[in-house]
Amino acid sequence: GGGIYTKAADVGADLSGKNDYGLDEDDYRNPACIADNVGDNVGDIAGMGADLFGSFAESTCAALVLASSSTDLEKHWCSLMYPVLISSTGIVVGLLTLFFQGCIYPVKDMPDVEKALKGILVISTILMTPVVIMLSKYCLPETFSMGFGYEEVQWWYCAVSIGMGLWSGLIIGYVTEYYTSHSYAPVREISETQKQS
């Protein structure tokens, strides 16, 4: 709902600035542009956070439903709570990651921010991997059934699938950085072509 009001403020500010004062769109002399920029930031960040939380909550709930549908897993409370334990230990690992990041990748200047963000991704992946293995070993039975066709699921299947997600996220982060950061060739080549044309 808030996005509608900020968009109305954006359009109103631009129209008023253009028609009444002859200012360009998003001109810094138009005080209503501050409201516009705040609205854009709130929309971008809150929207992204809401999407991320939605995906996180939906995947946790789906895993809880799958666990409760297994006759082998429903016998043990720890097995049923496995998805929630993965999520909650992830929060603890996230806090530890921030602590280690401050020690290993301290941010003293602007160029350090990029290294610190990369460091957070690496540290969290490294810390979470053994946590996932230990939780999987402790919470899940050696073998359990997940229904027809999946009668002999082993505990380490879950650890491997989560680990693949963790390490895939790290690889995707590095590949994305390579193609979008000004520190690497692809973006520099694009900027050079724009100077020439």
N, C-alpha and C. Protein backbone atom coordinates (compact mmCIF):
# COMPACT_ATOMS: atom_id res chain seq x y z
N GLY A 1 0.80 -1.20 0.00
CA GLY A 1 0.00 0.00 0.00
C GLY A 1 0.84 1.25 0.00
N GLY A 2 1.96 1.25 0.73
CA GLY A 2 2.78 2.45 0.83
C GLY A 2 3.38 2.86 -0.50
N GLY A 3 3.62 1.88 -1.37
CA GLY A 3 4.20 2.17 -2.68
C GLY A 3 3.31 3.06 -3.52
N ILE A 4 1.99 2.93 -3.36
CA ILE A 4 1.05 3.76 -4.12
C ILE A 4 1.22 5.22 -3.72
N TYR A 5 1.36 5.47 -2.41
CA TYR A 5 1.49 6.84 -1.93
C TYR A 5 2.83 7.46 -2.34
N THR A 6 3.91 6.66 -2.29
CA THR A 6 5.20 7.21 -2.70
C THR A 6 5.22 7.47 -4.20
N LYS A 7 4.55 6.61 -4.98
CA LYS A 7 4.48 6.84 -6.43
C LYS A 7 3.67 8.10 -6.72
N ALA A 8 2.59 8.30 -5.96
CA ALA A 8 1.80 9.54 -6.13
C ALA A 8 2.64 10.76 -5.78
N ALA A 9 3.45 10.66 -4.71
CA ALA A 9 4.33 11.77 -4.34
C ALA A 9 5.37 12.02 -5.42
N ASP A 10 5.88 10.95 -6.01
CA ASP A 10 6.87 11.05 -7.08
C ASP A 10 6.28 11.80 -8.27
N VAL A 11 5.14 11.32 -8.75
CA VAL A 11 4.51 11.93 -9.93
C VAL A 11 4.11 13.38 -9.63
N GLY A 12 3.52 13.59 -8.46
CA GLY A 12 3.11 14.96 -8.09
C GLY A 12 4.29 15.90 -8.01
N ALA A 13 5.40 15.44 -7.44
CA ALA A 13 6.59 16.28 -7.31
C ALA A 13 7.15 16.62 -8.69
N ASP A 14 7.22 15.63 -9.56
CA ASP A 14 7.77 15.87 -10.90
C ASP A 14 6.88 16.83 -11.69
N LEU A 15 5.56 16.60 -11.63
CA LEU A 15 4.63 17.48 -12.37
C LEU A 15 4.68 18.90 -11.86
N SER A 16 4.64 19.04 -10.53
CA SER A 16 4.67 20.37 -9.95
C SER A 16 5.98 21.08 -10.27
N GLY A 17 7.08 20.34 -10.15
CA GLY A 17 8.38 20.94 -10.44
C GLY A 17 8.49 21.38 -11.89
N LYS A 18 7.99 20.55 -12.81
CA LYS A 18 8.09 20.89 -14.24
C LYS A 18 7.16 22.03 -14.61
N ASN A 19 5.88 21.89 -14.21
CA ASN A 19 4.87 22.86 -14.64
C ASN A 19 4.99 24.20 -13.91
N ASP A 20 5.24 24.17 -12.62
CA ASP A 20 5.24 25.41 -11.84
C ASP A 20 6.58 26.13 -11.84
N TYR A 21 7.66 25.35 -11.88
CA TYR A 21 8.97 25.99 -11.71
C TYR A 21 9.96 25.69 -12.84
N GLY A 22 9.55 24.91 -13.83
CA GLY A 22 10.43 24.60 -14.95
C GLY A 22 11.64 23.75 -14.58
N LEU A 23 11.51 22.94 -13.53
CA LEU A 23 12.61 22.08 -13.10
C LEU A 23 12.56 20.75 -13.83
N ASP A 24 13.74 20.16 -14.03
CA ASP A 24 13.80 18.83 -14.64
C ASP A 24 13.28 17.78 -13.66
N GLU A 25 12.99 16.60 -14.21
CA GLU A 25 12.57 15.50 -13.34
C GLU A 25 13.72 15.13 -12.40
N ASP A 26 13.40 14.88 -11.13
CA ASP A 26 14.38 14.54 -10.09
C ASP A 26 15.45 15.62 -9.90
N ASP A 27 15.09 16.85 -10.13
CA ASP A 27 16.03 17.96 -9.88
C ASP A 27 16.28 18.10 -8.39
N TYR A 28 17.53 18.26 -7.99
CA TYR A 28 17.86 18.32 -6.57
C TYR A 28 17.28 19.56 -5.87
N ARG A 29 16.88 20.57 -6.64
CA ARG A 29 16.29 21.77 -6.03
C ARG A 29 14.82 21.58 -5.66
N ASN A 30 14.23 20.48 -6.10
CA ASN A 30 12.84 20.18 -5.77
C ASN A 30 12.80 19.36 -4.48
N PRO A 31 12.34 19.96 -3.36
CA PRO A 31 12.38 19.23 -2.08
C PRO A 31 11.53 17.96 -2.08
N ALA A 32 10.53 17.88 -2.93
CA ALA A 32 9.70 16.67 -2.96
C ALA A 32 10.46 15.47 -3.52
N CYS A 33 11.59 15.73 -4.18
CA CYS A 33 12.40 14.61 -4.69
C CYS A 33 12.99 13.79 -3.57
N ILE A 34 13.16 14.40 -2.41
CA ILE A 34 13.65 13.64 -1.26
C ILE A 34 12.64 12.55 -0.92
N ALA A 35 11.36 12.93 -0.88
CA ALA A 35 10.30 11.95 -0.60
C ALA A 35 10.30 10.86 -1.68
N ASP A 36 10.52 11.26 -2.92
CA ASP A 36 10.56 10.32 -4.02
C ASP A 36 11.70 9.32 -3.82
N ASN A 37 12.89 9.82 -3.50
CA ASN A 37 14.05 8.93 -3.32
C ASN A 37 13.86 8.00 -2.12
N VAL A 38 13.31 8.54 -1.05
CA VAL A 38 13.04 7.70 0.12
C VAL A 38 12.05 6.61 -0.25
N GLY A 39 11.01 6.97 -0.96
CA GLY A 39 10.01 6.00 -1.39
C GLY A 39 10.61 4.92 -2.28
N ASP A 40 11.49 5.34 -3.22
CA ASP A 40 12.15 4.36 -4.09
C ASP A 40 12.98 3.39 -3.27
N ASN A 41 13.74 3.92 -2.31
CA ASN A 41 14.59 3.05 -1.48
C ASN A 41 13.75 2.10 -0.63
N VAL A 42 12.69 2.63 -0.03
CA VAL A 42 11.82 1.78 0.78
C VAL A 42 11.20 0.69 -0.08
N GLY A 43 10.73 1.07 -1.26
CA GLY A 43 10.12 0.09 -2.16
C GLY A 43 11.09 -0.99 -2.58
N ASP A 44 12.30 -0.57 -2.96
CA ASP A 44 13.30 -1.54 -3.42
C ASP A 44 13.74 -2.46 -2.30
N ILE A 45 14.07 -1.90 -1.15
CA ILE A 45 14.63 -2.71 -0.07
C ILE A 45 13.54 -3.52 0.63
N ALA A 46 12.43 -2.88 0.96
CA ALA A 46 11.35 -3.61 1.64
C ALA A 46 10.76 -4.68 0.71
N GLY A 47 10.65 -4.34 -0.56
CA GLY A 47 10.12 -5.32 -1.52
C GLY A 47 11.03 -6.53 -1.64
N MET A 48 12.33 -6.28 -1.75
CA MET A 48 13.29 -7.38 -1.85
C MET A 48 13.28 -8.21 -0.56
N GLY A 49 13.25 -7.53 0.58
CA GLY A 49 13.22 -8.24 1.87
C GLY A 49 11.97 -9.09 2.01
N ALA A 50 10.84 -8.54 1.56
CA ALA A 50 9.58 -9.29 1.64
C ALA A 50 9.62 -10.52 0.74
N ASP A 51 10.18 -10.37 -0.46
CA ASP A 51 10.30 -11.52 -1.37
C ASP A 51 11.21 -12.58 -0.79
N LEU A 52 12.35 -12.14 -0.23
CA LEU A 52 13.30 -13.08 0.36
C LEU A 52 12.69 -13.82 1.53
N PHE A 53 12.03 -13.07 2.42
CA PHE A 53 11.39 -13.71 3.57
C PHE A 53 10.28 -14.66 3.12
N GLY A 54 9.52 -14.24 2.11
CA GLY A 54 8.45 -15.09 1.60
C GLY A 54 8.99 -16.41 1.09
N SER A 55 10.07 -16.36 0.29
CA SER A 55 10.68 -17.59 -0.22
C SER A 55 11.20 -18.46 0.91
N PHE A 56 11.85 -17.82 1.88
CA PHE A 56 12.43 -18.51 3.03
C PHE A 56 11.34 -19.21 3.84
N ALA A 57 10.26 -18.49 4.15
CA ALA A 57 9.17 -19.05 4.95
C ALA A 57 8.44 -20.15 4.17
N GLU A 58 8.21 -19.93 2.88
CA GLU A 58 7.50 -20.93 2.08
C GLU A 58 8.29 -22.23 1.97
N SER A 59 9.60 -22.13 1.77
CA SER A 59 10.41 -23.35 1.65
C SER A 59 10.48 -24.08 2.98
N THR A 60 10.54 -23.33 4.10
CA THR A 60 10.55 -23.98 5.42
C THR A 60 9.22 -24.68 5.67
N CYS A 61 8.12 -24.02 5.35
CA CYS A 61 6.79 -24.64 5.55
C CYS A 61 6.62 -25.87 4.66
N ALA A 62 7.10 -25.79 3.42
CA ALA A 62 7.00 -26.95 2.51
C ALA A 62 7.79 -28.13 3.06
N ALA A 63 8.99 -27.85 3.61
CA ALA A 63 9.80 -28.92 4.21
C ALA A 63 9.12 -29.51 5.43
N LEU A 64 8.44 -28.66 6.23
CA LEU A 64 7.69 -29.17 7.40
C LEU A 64 6.55 -30.08 6.97
N VAL A 65 5.85 -29.72 5.91
CA VAL A 65 4.75 -30.54 5.40
C VAL A 65 5.29 -31.88 4.90
N LEU A 66 6.40 -31.85 4.17
CA LEU A 66 7.01 -33.10 3.69
C LEU A 66 7.44 -33.99 4.85
N ALA A 67 8.05 -33.37 5.88
CA ALA A 67 8.51 -34.16 7.04
C ALA A 67 7.32 -34.80 7.75
N SER A 68 6.23 -34.05 7.89
CA SER A 68 5.07 -34.60 8.62
C SER A 68 4.34 -35.67 7.81
N SER A 69 4.56 -35.70 6.50
CA SER A 69 3.91 -36.73 5.68
C SER A 69 4.66 -38.06 5.71
N SER A 70 5.86 -38.06 6.27
CA SER A 70 6.65 -39.30 6.36
C SER A 70 6.35 -40.00 7.68
N THR A 71 5.97 -41.27 7.60
CA THR A 71 5.68 -42.03 8.83
C THR A 71 6.93 -42.25 9.66
N ASP A 72 8.09 -42.30 9.02
CA ASP A 72 9.35 -42.49 9.75
C ASP A 72 9.77 -41.22 10.48
N LEU A 73 9.57 -40.08 9.84
CA LEU A 73 10.02 -38.82 10.44
C LEU A 73 9.05 -38.30 11.51
N GLU A 74 7.76 -38.61 11.37
CA GLU A 74 6.79 -38.08 12.33
C GLU A 74 6.91 -38.73 13.71
N LYS A 75 7.66 -39.82 13.81
CA LYS A 75 7.86 -40.47 15.11
C LYS A 75 8.80 -39.70 16.01
N HIS A 76 9.66 -38.88 15.42
CA HIS A 76 10.68 -38.17 16.20
C HIS A 76 10.49 -36.66 16.06
N TRP A 77 10.37 -35.98 17.18
CA TRP A 77 10.17 -34.52 17.19
C TRP A 77 11.33 -33.81 16.50
N CYS A 78 12.54 -34.30 16.76
CA CYS A 78 13.74 -33.69 16.18
C CYS A 78 13.71 -33.75 14.64
N SER A 79 13.24 -34.89 14.12
CA SER A 79 13.15 -35.04 12.66
C SER A 79 12.10 -34.09 12.07
N LEU A 80 10.99 -33.95 12.78
CA LEU A 80 9.95 -33.02 12.30
C LEU A 80 10.44 -31.58 12.31
N MET A 81 11.25 -31.23 13.32
CA MET A 81 11.73 -29.86 13.46
C MET A 81 13.00 -29.57 12.67
N TYR A 82 13.49 -30.55 11.93
CA TYR A 82 14.72 -30.40 11.15
C TYR A 82 14.74 -29.14 10.28
N PRO A 83 13.69 -28.84 9.49
CA PRO A 83 13.71 -27.61 8.67
C PRO A 83 13.82 -26.33 9.52
N VAL A 84 13.12 -26.32 10.67
CA VAL A 84 13.16 -25.14 11.53
C VAL A 84 14.54 -25.00 12.18
N LEU A 85 15.14 -26.14 12.55
CA LEU A 85 16.48 -26.12 13.14
C LEU A 85 17.51 -25.62 12.14
N ILE A 86 17.37 -26.02 10.88
CA ILE A 86 18.28 -25.52 9.84
C ILE A 86 18.16 -24.01 9.74
N SER A 87 16.92 -23.50 9.71
CA SER A 87 16.70 -22.05 9.59
C SER A 87 17.23 -21.30 10.81
N SER A 88 16.94 -21.81 12.01
CA SER A 88 17.32 -21.09 13.22
C SER A 88 18.83 -21.12 13.44
N THR A 89 19.48 -22.24 13.14
CA THR A 89 20.94 -22.25 13.25
C THR A 89 21.57 -21.37 12.19
N GLY A 90 20.87 -21.20 11.07
CA GLY A 90 21.35 -20.26 10.04
C GLY A 90 21.40 -18.83 10.56
N ILE A 91 20.46 -18.46 11.42
CA ILE A 91 20.48 -17.12 12.03
C ILE A 91 21.71 -16.97 12.92
N VAL A 92 21.99 -18.00 13.73
CA VAL A 92 23.17 -17.96 14.62
C VAL A 92 24.45 -17.89 13.79
N VAL A 93 24.52 -18.69 12.72
CA VAL A 93 25.69 -18.66 11.84
C VAL A 93 25.82 -17.29 11.18
N GLY A 94 24.71 -16.66 10.84
CA GLY A 94 24.75 -15.31 10.27
C GLY A 94 25.36 -14.30 11.22
N LEU A 95 24.99 -14.39 12.50
CA LEU A 95 25.57 -13.49 13.50
C LEU A 95 27.07 -13.75 13.69
N LEU A 96 27.45 -15.03 13.73
CA LEU A 96 28.87 -15.38 13.83
C LEU A 96 29.64 -14.89 12.60
N THR A 97 29.01 -14.97 11.44
CA THR A 97 29.63 -14.51 10.20
C THR A 97 29.96 -13.02 10.29
N LEU A 98 29.02 -12.23 10.82
CA LEU A 98 29.27 -10.79 10.95
C LEU A 98 30.43 -10.52 11.90
N PHE A 99 30.53 -11.31 12.97
CA PHE A 99 31.65 -11.15 13.90
C PHE A 99 32.97 -11.45 13.21
N PHE A 100 33.05 -12.60 12.51
CA PHE A 100 34.28 -12.97 11.83
C PHE A 100 34.63 -12.01 10.70
N GLN A 101 33.60 -11.53 10.01
CA GLN A 101 33.84 -10.58 8.92
C GLN A 101 34.53 -9.33 9.44
N GLY A 102 34.09 -8.85 10.62
CA GLY A 102 34.71 -7.66 11.21
C GLY A 102 36.18 -7.89 11.55
N CYS A 103 36.54 -9.13 11.90
CA CYS A 103 37.93 -9.46 12.24
C CYS A 103 38.78 -9.71 10.98
N ILE A 104 38.20 -10.42 10.01
CA ILE A 104 38.98 -10.84 8.83
C ILE A 104 38.96 -9.78 7.72
N TYR A 105 37.80 -9.17 7.48
CA TYR A 105 37.65 -8.18 6.40
C TYR A 105 37.16 -6.85 6.98
N PRO A 106 37.97 -6.15 7.75
CA PRO A 106 37.50 -4.88 8.32
C PRO A 106 37.26 -3.84 7.21
N VAL A 107 36.21 -3.05 7.36
CA VAL A 107 35.87 -2.03 6.37
C VAL A 107 36.39 -0.69 6.87
N LYS A 108 37.44 -0.19 6.20
CA LYS A 108 38.02 1.10 6.57
C LYS A 108 37.79 2.16 5.51
N ASP A 109 37.58 1.69 4.26
CA ASP A 109 37.37 2.62 3.15
C ASP A 109 36.39 1.99 2.17
N MET A 110 35.91 2.77 1.20
CA MET A 110 34.91 2.28 0.25
C MET A 110 35.31 1.02 -0.51
N PRO A 111 36.56 0.90 -0.99
CA PRO A 111 36.93 -0.34 -1.70
C PRO A 111 36.83 -1.60 -0.83
N ASP A 112 36.91 -1.42 0.49
CA ASP A 112 36.83 -2.57 1.40
C ASP A 112 35.43 -3.18 1.48
N VAL A 113 34.42 -2.41 1.09
CA VAL A 113 33.03 -2.89 1.19
C VAL A 113 32.82 -4.11 0.30
N GLU A 114 33.32 -4.03 -0.92
CA GLU A 114 33.15 -5.15 -1.86
C GLU A 114 33.82 -6.42 -1.32
N LYS A 115 35.03 -6.28 -0.78
CA LYS A 115 35.73 -7.43 -0.20
C LYS A 115 34.97 -8.00 0.99
N ALA A 116 34.43 -7.11 1.82
CA ALA A 116 33.69 -7.56 3.01
C ALA A 116 32.42 -8.32 2.61
N LEU A 117 31.71 -7.84 1.60
CA LEU A 117 30.50 -8.53 1.15
C LEU A 117 30.84 -9.92 0.61
N LYS A 118 31.93 -10.00 -0.15
CA LYS A 118 32.38 -11.30 -0.65
C LYS A 118 32.79 -12.19 0.52
N GLY A 119 33.45 -11.60 1.49
CA GLY A 119 33.88 -12.35 2.67
C GLY A 119 32.71 -12.92 3.45
N ILE A 120 31.65 -12.14 3.57
CA ILE A 120 30.45 -12.61 4.28
C ILE A 120 29.89 -13.85 3.60
N LEU A 121 29.85 -13.83 2.28
CA LEU A 121 29.34 -14.98 1.52
C LEU A 121 30.20 -16.22 1.76
N VAL A 122 31.52 -16.03 1.72
CA VAL A 122 32.44 -17.16 1.90
C VAL A 122 32.36 -17.70 3.33
N ILE A 123 32.44 -16.80 4.31
CA ILE A 123 32.45 -17.22 5.72
C ILE A 123 31.16 -17.95 6.08
N SER A 124 30.02 -17.39 5.68
CA SER A 124 28.74 -18.02 6.03
C SER A 124 28.61 -19.40 5.40
N THR A 125 29.09 -19.57 4.16
CA THR A 125 29.03 -20.87 3.50
C THR A 125 29.91 -21.89 4.22
N ILE A 126 31.12 -21.46 4.58
CA ILE A 126 32.05 -22.36 5.27
C ILE A 126 31.52 -22.74 6.65
N LEU A 127 30.96 -21.77 7.38
CA LEU A 127 30.45 -22.07 8.73
C LEU A 127 29.18 -22.93 8.70
N MET A 128 28.32 -22.69 7.72
CA MET A 128 27.04 -23.39 7.69
C MET A 128 27.16 -24.84 7.22
N THR A 129 28.17 -25.14 6.42
CA THR A 129 28.32 -26.49 5.88
C THR A 129 28.45 -27.56 6.97
N PRO A 130 29.38 -27.44 7.93
CA PRO A 130 29.43 -28.47 8.98
C PRO A 130 28.19 -28.48 9.88
N VAL A 131 27.56 -27.31 10.06
CA VAL A 131 26.34 -27.26 10.87
C VAL A 131 25.24 -28.10 10.22
N VAL A 132 25.11 -27.98 8.91
CA VAL A 132 24.10 -28.75 8.17
C VAL A 132 24.39 -30.25 8.29
N ILE A 133 25.65 -30.63 8.16
CA ILE A 133 26.01 -32.05 8.24
C ILE A 133 25.69 -32.60 9.64
N MET A 134 26.08 -31.85 10.68
CA MET A 134 25.83 -32.31 12.05
C MET A 134 24.33 -32.39 12.36
N LEU A 135 23.56 -31.37 11.95
CA LEU A 135 22.12 -31.40 12.19
C LEU A 135 21.46 -32.55 11.45
N SER A 136 21.88 -32.79 10.22
CA SER A 136 21.30 -33.89 9.44
C SER A 136 21.59 -35.22 10.10
N LYS A 137 22.82 -35.41 10.55
CA LYS A 137 23.21 -36.67 11.20
C LYS A 137 22.46 -36.86 12.52
N TYR A 138 22.30 -35.77 13.29
CA TYR A 138 21.68 -35.87 14.61
C TYR A 138 20.15 -35.97 14.53
N CYS A 139 19.53 -35.22 13.65
CA CYS A 139 18.07 -35.12 13.64
C CYS A 139 17.38 -36.21 12.82
N LEU A 140 18.02 -36.68 11.78
CA LEU A 140 17.35 -37.61 10.87
C LEU A 140 17.77 -39.05 11.13
N PRO A 141 16.84 -40.01 10.93
CA PRO A 141 17.22 -41.43 11.05
C PRO A 141 18.21 -41.81 9.94
N GLU A 142 18.90 -42.93 10.14
CA GLU A 142 19.87 -43.40 9.14
C GLU A 142 19.21 -43.52 7.76
N THR A 143 18.05 -44.17 7.74
CA THR A 143 17.24 -44.26 6.51
C THR A 143 15.78 -44.03 6.89
N PHE A 144 15.07 -43.43 5.96
CA PHE A 144 13.64 -43.19 6.19
C PHE A 144 12.92 -43.15 4.85
N SER A 145 11.61 -43.35 4.92
CA SER A 145 10.79 -43.38 3.71
C SER A 145 10.08 -42.05 3.52
N MET A 146 10.08 -41.59 2.28
CA MET A 146 9.34 -40.38 1.93
C MET A 146 8.20 -40.70 0.97
N GLY A 147 7.77 -41.95 0.96
CA GLY A 147 6.65 -42.34 0.10
C GLY A 147 7.10 -43.22 -1.04
N PHE A 148 6.17 -43.51 -1.93
CA PHE A 148 6.41 -44.43 -3.04
C PHE A 148 7.57 -43.92 -3.92
N GLY A 149 8.52 -44.80 -4.14
CA GLY A 149 9.68 -44.44 -4.96
C GLY A 149 10.84 -43.88 -4.17
N TYR A 150 10.58 -43.51 -2.93
CA TYR A 150 11.63 -42.94 -2.07
C TYR A 150 11.61 -43.65 -0.71
N GLU A 151 11.65 -44.97 -0.75
CA GLU A 151 11.54 -45.75 0.48
C GLU A 151 12.84 -45.79 1.28
N GLU A 152 13.97 -45.60 0.63
CA GLU A 152 15.27 -45.73 1.30
C GLU A 152 16.06 -44.41 1.21
N VAL A 153 15.54 -43.35 1.75
CA VAL A 153 16.25 -42.07 1.78
C VAL A 153 17.22 -42.09 2.95
N GLN A 154 18.46 -41.73 2.72
CA GLN A 154 19.46 -41.70 3.78
C GLN A 154 19.65 -40.27 4.28
N TRP A 155 20.08 -40.14 5.55
CA TRP A 155 20.19 -38.82 6.17
C TRP A 155 21.10 -37.89 5.39
N TRP A 156 22.15 -38.43 4.81
CA TRP A 156 23.12 -37.57 4.14
C TRP A 156 22.61 -37.02 2.81
N TYR A 157 21.53 -37.59 2.26
CA TYR A 157 20.93 -37.01 1.06
C TYR A 157 20.49 -35.57 1.34
N CYS A 158 19.88 -35.39 2.53
CA CYS A 158 19.42 -34.04 2.90
C CYS A 158 20.60 -33.10 3.09
N ALA A 159 21.67 -33.58 3.75
CA ALA A 159 22.86 -32.75 3.96
C ALA A 159 23.48 -32.35 2.63
N VAL A 160 23.54 -33.30 1.69
CA VAL A 160 24.14 -33.01 0.38
C VAL A 160 23.30 -31.99 -0.38
N SER A 161 21.98 -32.15 -0.36
CA SER A 161 21.13 -31.21 -1.11
C SER A 161 21.23 -29.79 -0.55
N ILE A 162 21.26 -29.66 0.78
CA ILE A 162 21.40 -28.32 1.38
C ILE A 162 22.80 -27.77 1.09
N GLY A 163 23.81 -28.64 1.20
CA GLY A 163 25.18 -28.21 0.90
C GLY A 163 25.34 -27.74 -0.53
N MET A 164 24.69 -28.45 -1.46
CA MET A 164 24.75 -28.02 -2.86
C MET A 164 24.11 -26.65 -3.04
N GLY A 165 23.02 -26.40 -2.31
CA GLY A 165 22.40 -25.08 -2.36
C GLY A 165 23.31 -24.00 -1.81
N LEU A 166 23.99 -24.31 -0.68
CA LEU A 166 24.92 -23.35 -0.08
C LEU A 166 26.06 -22.99 -1.04
N TRP A 167 26.72 -24.02 -1.57
CA TRP A 167 27.88 -23.78 -2.42
C TRP A 167 27.49 -23.24 -3.79
N SER A 168 26.29 -23.60 -4.27
CA SER A 168 25.80 -23.00 -5.53
C SER A 168 25.58 -21.51 -5.35
N GLY A 169 25.04 -21.13 -4.18
CA GLY A 169 24.85 -19.70 -3.89
C GLY A 169 26.16 -18.95 -3.89
N LEU A 170 27.20 -19.56 -3.35
CA LEU A 170 28.53 -18.93 -3.33
C LEU A 170 29.06 -18.76 -4.75
N ILE A 171 28.93 -19.82 -5.56
CA ILE A 171 29.41 -19.75 -6.95
C ILE A 171 28.63 -18.71 -7.74
N ILE A 172 27.30 -18.69 -7.57
CA ILE A 172 26.47 -17.70 -8.27
C ILE A 172 26.87 -16.28 -7.86
N GLY A 173 27.16 -16.10 -6.56
CA GLY A 173 27.60 -14.79 -6.08
C GLY A 173 28.88 -14.34 -6.76
N TYR A 174 29.85 -15.24 -6.90
CA TYR A 174 31.11 -14.89 -7.55
C TYR A 174 30.94 -14.62 -9.04
N VAL A 175 30.14 -15.46 -9.71
CA VAL A 175 29.90 -15.26 -11.15
C VAL A 175 29.19 -13.93 -11.38
N THR A 176 28.17 -13.65 -10.55
CA THR A 176 27.44 -12.39 -10.68
C THR A 176 28.36 -11.20 -10.47
N GLU A 177 29.22 -11.31 -9.46
CA GLU A 177 30.15 -10.20 -9.19
C GLU A 177 31.09 -9.99 -10.37
N TYR A 178 31.56 -11.07 -10.97
CA TYR A 178 32.48 -10.95 -12.11
C TYR A 178 31.85 -10.18 -13.26
N TYR A 179 30.56 -10.46 -13.53
CA TYR A 179 29.92 -9.82 -14.67
C TYR A 179 29.28 -8.47 -14.35
N THR A 180 29.22 -8.08 -13.08
CA THR A 180 28.55 -6.81 -12.74
C THR A 180 29.44 -5.82 -11.99
N SER A 181 30.61 -6.24 -11.53
CA SER A 181 31.48 -5.35 -10.76
C SER A 181 32.40 -4.57 -11.69
N HIS A 182 32.65 -3.32 -11.34
CA HIS A 182 33.56 -2.48 -12.13
C HIS A 182 35.01 -2.95 -12.01
N SER A 183 35.28 -3.88 -11.11
CA SER A 183 36.65 -4.37 -10.89
C SER A 183 37.09 -5.37 -11.96
N TYR A 184 36.16 -5.89 -12.76
CA TYR A 184 36.50 -6.96 -13.70
C TYR A 184 36.25 -6.55 -15.15
N ALA A 185 36.81 -7.34 -16.07
CA ALA A 185 36.85 -7.00 -17.49
C ALA A 185 35.49 -6.75 -18.15
N PRO A 186 34.45 -7.58 -17.94
CA PRO A 186 33.20 -7.35 -18.69
C PRO A 186 32.63 -5.95 -18.53
N VAL A 187 32.55 -5.44 -17.31
CA VAL A 187 32.00 -4.10 -17.10
C VAL A 187 32.94 -3.04 -17.64
N ARG A 188 34.25 -3.24 -17.48
CA ARG A 188 35.23 -2.27 -17.99
C ARG A 188 35.17 -2.19 -19.52
N GLU A 189 34.98 -3.34 -20.18
CA GLU A 189 34.87 -3.33 -21.65
C GLU A 189 33.64 -2.56 -22.10
N ILE A 190 32.52 -2.75 -21.40
CA ILE A 190 31.30 -2.02 -21.75
C ILE A 190 31.51 -0.52 -21.56
N SER A 191 32.16 -0.13 -20.46
CA SER A 191 32.38 1.30 -20.22
C SER A 191 33.32 1.90 -21.27
N GLU A 192 34.29 1.12 -21.74
CA GLU A 192 35.20 1.61 -22.79
C GLU A 192 34.45 1.83 -24.10
N THR A 193 33.53 0.90 -24.45
CA THR A 193 32.78 1.08 -25.69
C THR A 193 31.89 2.32 -25.63
N GLN A 194 31.41 2.67 -24.45
CA GLN A 194 30.55 3.85 -24.32
C GLN A 194 31.36 5.13 -24.48
N LYS A 195 32.62 5.11 -24.11
CA LYS A 195 33.47 6.29 -24.30
C LYS A 195 33.72 6.54 -25.76
N GLN A 196 33.84 5.46 -26.54
CA GLN A 196 34.20 5.59 -27.95
C GLN A 196 33.03 5.98 -28.82
N SER A 197 31.79 5.61 -28.43
CA SER A 197 30.65 5.87 -29.33
C SER A 197 29.98 7.18 -29.04
